[in-house]
């Protein structure tokens, strides 16, 4: 998969994720599968327990279905998923 700014418009439910960095030290290292997404949080299943992670407080490392690993700042993901799909993002790099 070619990684482009459009990756922000992707659906993340069901994707494997790991918290790479965070202002909240308790979030760093949490990994698992994204179960749900709201405007400001991801719900992640880690070892049988669900954890709610605030999007704007972390940098997420997603492993996509084709094996590609992408790191995304959570600040870019804030917003309802259905609204984020319509948003245009300027090239960030």
C-alpha atoms as a PDB file:
ATOM      1  CA  UNK A   1       0.000   0.000   0.000  1.00  0.00           C
ATOM      2  CA  UNK A   2       1.305   3.422  -0.918  1.00  0.00           C
ATOM      3  CA  UNK A   3       1.230   5.722   2.105  1.00  0.00           C
ATOM      4  CA  UNK A   4      -0.250   9.125   1.252  1.00  0.00           C
ATOM      5  CA  UNK A   5      -1.998  11.866   3.235  1.00  0.00           C
ATOM      6  CA  UNK A   6      -5.233  10.018   2.381  1.00  0.00           C
ATOM      7  CA  UNK A   7      -4.324   7.431   5.037  1.00  0.00           C
ATOM      8  CA  UNK A   8      -5.902   9.797   7.567  1.00  0.00           C
ATOM      9  CA  UNK A   9      -9.240   9.204   5.828  1.00  0.00           C
ATOM     10  CA  UNK A  10      -8.979   5.436   6.403  1.00  0.00           C
ATOM     11  CA  UNK A  11     -11.121   3.287   8.660  1.00  0.00           C
ATOM     12  CA  UNK A  12      -9.110   2.218  11.717  1.00  0.00           C
ATOM     13  CA  UNK A  13     -11.580  -0.153  13.420  1.00  0.00           C
ATOM     14  CA  UNK A  14     -10.093  -3.652  13.333  1.00  0.00           C
ATOM     15  CA  UNK A  15      -6.543  -2.377  12.801  1.00  0.00           C
ATOM     16  CA  UNK A  16      -3.644  -3.317  15.065  1.00  0.00           C
ATOM     17  CA  UNK A  17      -2.249  -0.294  16.877  1.00  0.00           C
ATOM     18  CA  UNK A  18       0.505   0.577  19.327  1.00  0.00           C
ATOM     19  CA  UNK A  19       0.966   3.857  21.193  1.00  0.00           C
ATOM     20  CA  UNK A  20       4.426   5.070  20.136  1.00  0.00           C
ATOM     21  CA  UNK A  21       4.543   8.325  22.126  1.00  0.00           C
ATOM     22  CA  UNK A  22       2.199  10.155  24.438  1.00  0.00           C
ATOM     23  CA  UNK A  23       1.972  13.083  26.837  1.00  0.00           C
ATOM     24  CA  UNK A  24       0.272  10.618  29.203  1.00  0.00           C
ATOM     25  CA  UNK A  25       3.029   8.207  30.265  1.00  0.00           C
ATOM     26  CA  UNK A  26       0.496   5.471  31.070  1.00  0.00           C
ATOM     27  CA  UNK A  27      -0.486   5.266  27.384  1.00  0.00           C
ATOM     28  CA  UNK A  28       2.989   4.528  25.988  1.00  0.00           C
ATOM     29  CA  UNK A  29       3.362   0.909  24.902  1.00  0.00           C
ATOM     30  CA  UNK A  30      -0.344   0.031  24.889  1.00  0.00           C
ATOM     31  CA  UNK A  31      -1.038  -2.169  21.889  1.00  0.00           C
ATOM     32  CA  UNK A  32      -3.922  -4.165  20.562  1.00  0.00           C
ATOM     33  CA  UNK A  33      -6.835  -4.003  18.146  1.00  0.00           C
ATOM     34  CA  UNK A  34      -8.988  -0.914  17.650  1.00  0.00           C
ATOM     35  CA  UNK A  35     -12.525  -1.905  18.668  1.00  0.00           C
ATOM     36  CA  UNK A  36     -14.270   1.442  18.377  1.00  0.00           C
ATOM     37  CA  UNK A  37     -13.627   5.041  17.497  1.00  0.00           C
ATOM     38  CA  UNK A  38     -15.368   8.169  18.695  1.00  0.00           C
ATOM     39  CA  UNK A  39     -14.707  11.842  18.067  1.00  0.00           C
ATOM     40  CA  UNK A  40     -11.896  12.069  20.622  1.00  0.00           C
ATOM     41  CA  UNK A  41     -10.952   8.501  21.574  1.00  0.00           C
ATOM     42  CA  UNK A  42      -9.978   5.066  20.326  1.00  0.00           C
ATOM     43  CA  UNK A  43     -11.143   2.007  22.262  1.00  0.00           C
ATOM     44  CA  UNK A  44      -8.361  -0.590  22.132  1.00  0.00           C
ATOM     45  CA  UNK A  45      -8.598  -4.244  23.172  1.00  0.00           C
ATOM     46  CA  UNK A  46      -5.380  -5.154  24.992  1.00  0.00           C
ATOM     47  CA  UNK A  47      -5.044  -8.591  26.594  1.00  0.00           C
ATOM     48  CA  UNK A  48      -8.796  -8.982  27.037  1.00  0.00           C
ATOM     49  CA  UNK A  49      -9.300  -5.517  28.540  1.00  0.00           C
ATOM     50  CA  UNK A  50     -10.573  -2.407  26.782  1.00  0.00           C
ATOM     51  CA  UNK A  51      -8.707   0.864  27.111  1.00  0.00           C
ATOM     52  CA  UNK A  52      -9.918   4.286  25.965  1.00  0.00           C
ATOM     53  CA  UNK A  53      -7.090   6.364  24.546  1.00  0.00           C
ATOM     54  CA  UNK A  54      -7.457  10.080  23.867  1.00  0.00           C
ATOM     55  CA  UNK A  55      -6.499  10.782  20.256  1.00  0.00           C
ATOM     56  CA  UNK A  56      -4.851  14.165  20.706  1.00  0.00           C
ATOM     57  CA  UNK A  57      -2.573  12.922  23.514  1.00  0.00           C
ATOM     58  CA  UNK A  58      -0.731  10.244  21.522  1.00  0.00           C
ATOM     59  CA  UNK A  59       1.115   9.243  18.392  1.00  0.00           C
ATOM     60  CA  UNK A  60      -0.284   5.983  17.034  1.00  0.00           C
ATOM     61  CA  UNK A  61       1.589   3.282  15.134  1.00  0.00           C
ATOM     62  CA  UNK A  62      -0.891   1.370  12.958  1.00  0.00           C
ATOM     63  CA  UNK A  63      -0.164  -1.943  11.220  1.00  0.00           C
ATOM     64  CA  UNK A  64      -2.343  -2.007   8.123  1.00  0.00           C
ATOM     65  CA  UNK A  65      -3.813  -5.141   6.532  1.00  0.00           C
ATOM     66  CA  UNK A  66      -0.969  -5.405   3.992  1.00  0.00           C
ATOM     67  CA  UNK A  67       1.683  -5.249   6.731  1.00  0.00           C
ATOM     68  CA  UNK A  68       2.598  -1.601   6.258  1.00  0.00           C
ATOM     69  CA  UNK A  69       3.350   0.252   9.495  1.00  0.00           C
ATOM     70  CA  UNK A  70       2.248   3.896   9.630  1.00  0.00           C
ATOM     71  CA  UNK A  71       2.791   6.392  12.435  1.00  0.00           C
ATOM     72  CA  UNK A  72       0.127   9.100  12.728  1.00  0.00           C
ATOM     73  CA  UNK A  73      -0.164  11.980  15.187  1.00  0.00           C
ATOM     74  CA  UNK A  74      -3.499  11.636  16.948  1.00  0.00           C
ATOM     75  CA  UNK A  75      -4.184  15.358  16.546  1.00  0.00           C
ATOM     76  CA  UNK A  76      -4.793  14.669  12.843  1.00  0.00           C
ATOM     77  CA  UNK A  77      -7.365  11.996  13.726  1.00  0.00           C
ATOM     78  CA  UNK A  78      -9.534  14.071  16.076  1.00  0.00           C
ATOM     79  CA  UNK A  79     -13.085  14.272  14.784  1.00  0.00           C
ATOM     80  CA  UNK A  80     -15.938  11.926  14.066  1.00  0.00           C
ATOM     81  CA  UNK A  81     -14.831   9.146  11.712  1.00  0.00           C
ATOM     82  CA  UNK A  82     -17.571   9.878   9.198  1.00  0.00           C
ATOM     83  CA  UNK A  83     -16.609  13.569   9.065  1.00  0.00           C
ATOM     84  CA  UNK A  84     -12.887  12.806   8.826  1.00  0.00           C
ATOM     85  CA  UNK A  85     -13.525  10.813   5.640  1.00  0.00           C
ATOM     86  CA  UNK A  86     -14.703  13.997   3.916  1.00  0.00           C
ATOM     87  CA  UNK A  87     -11.844  16.211   5.136  1.00  0.00           C
ATOM     88  CA  UNK A  88      -9.067  17.286   2.756  1.00  0.00           C
ATOM     89  CA  UNK A  89      -5.588  17.209   4.260  1.00  0.00           C
ATOM     90  CA  UNK A  90      -2.668  19.221   2.918  1.00  0.00           C
ATOM     91  CA  UNK A  91       0.491  17.251   2.284  1.00  0.00           C
ATOM     92  CA  UNK A  92       2.297  17.016   5.623  1.00  0.00           C
ATOM     93  CA  UNK A  93       5.729  15.988   4.355  1.00  0.00           C
END
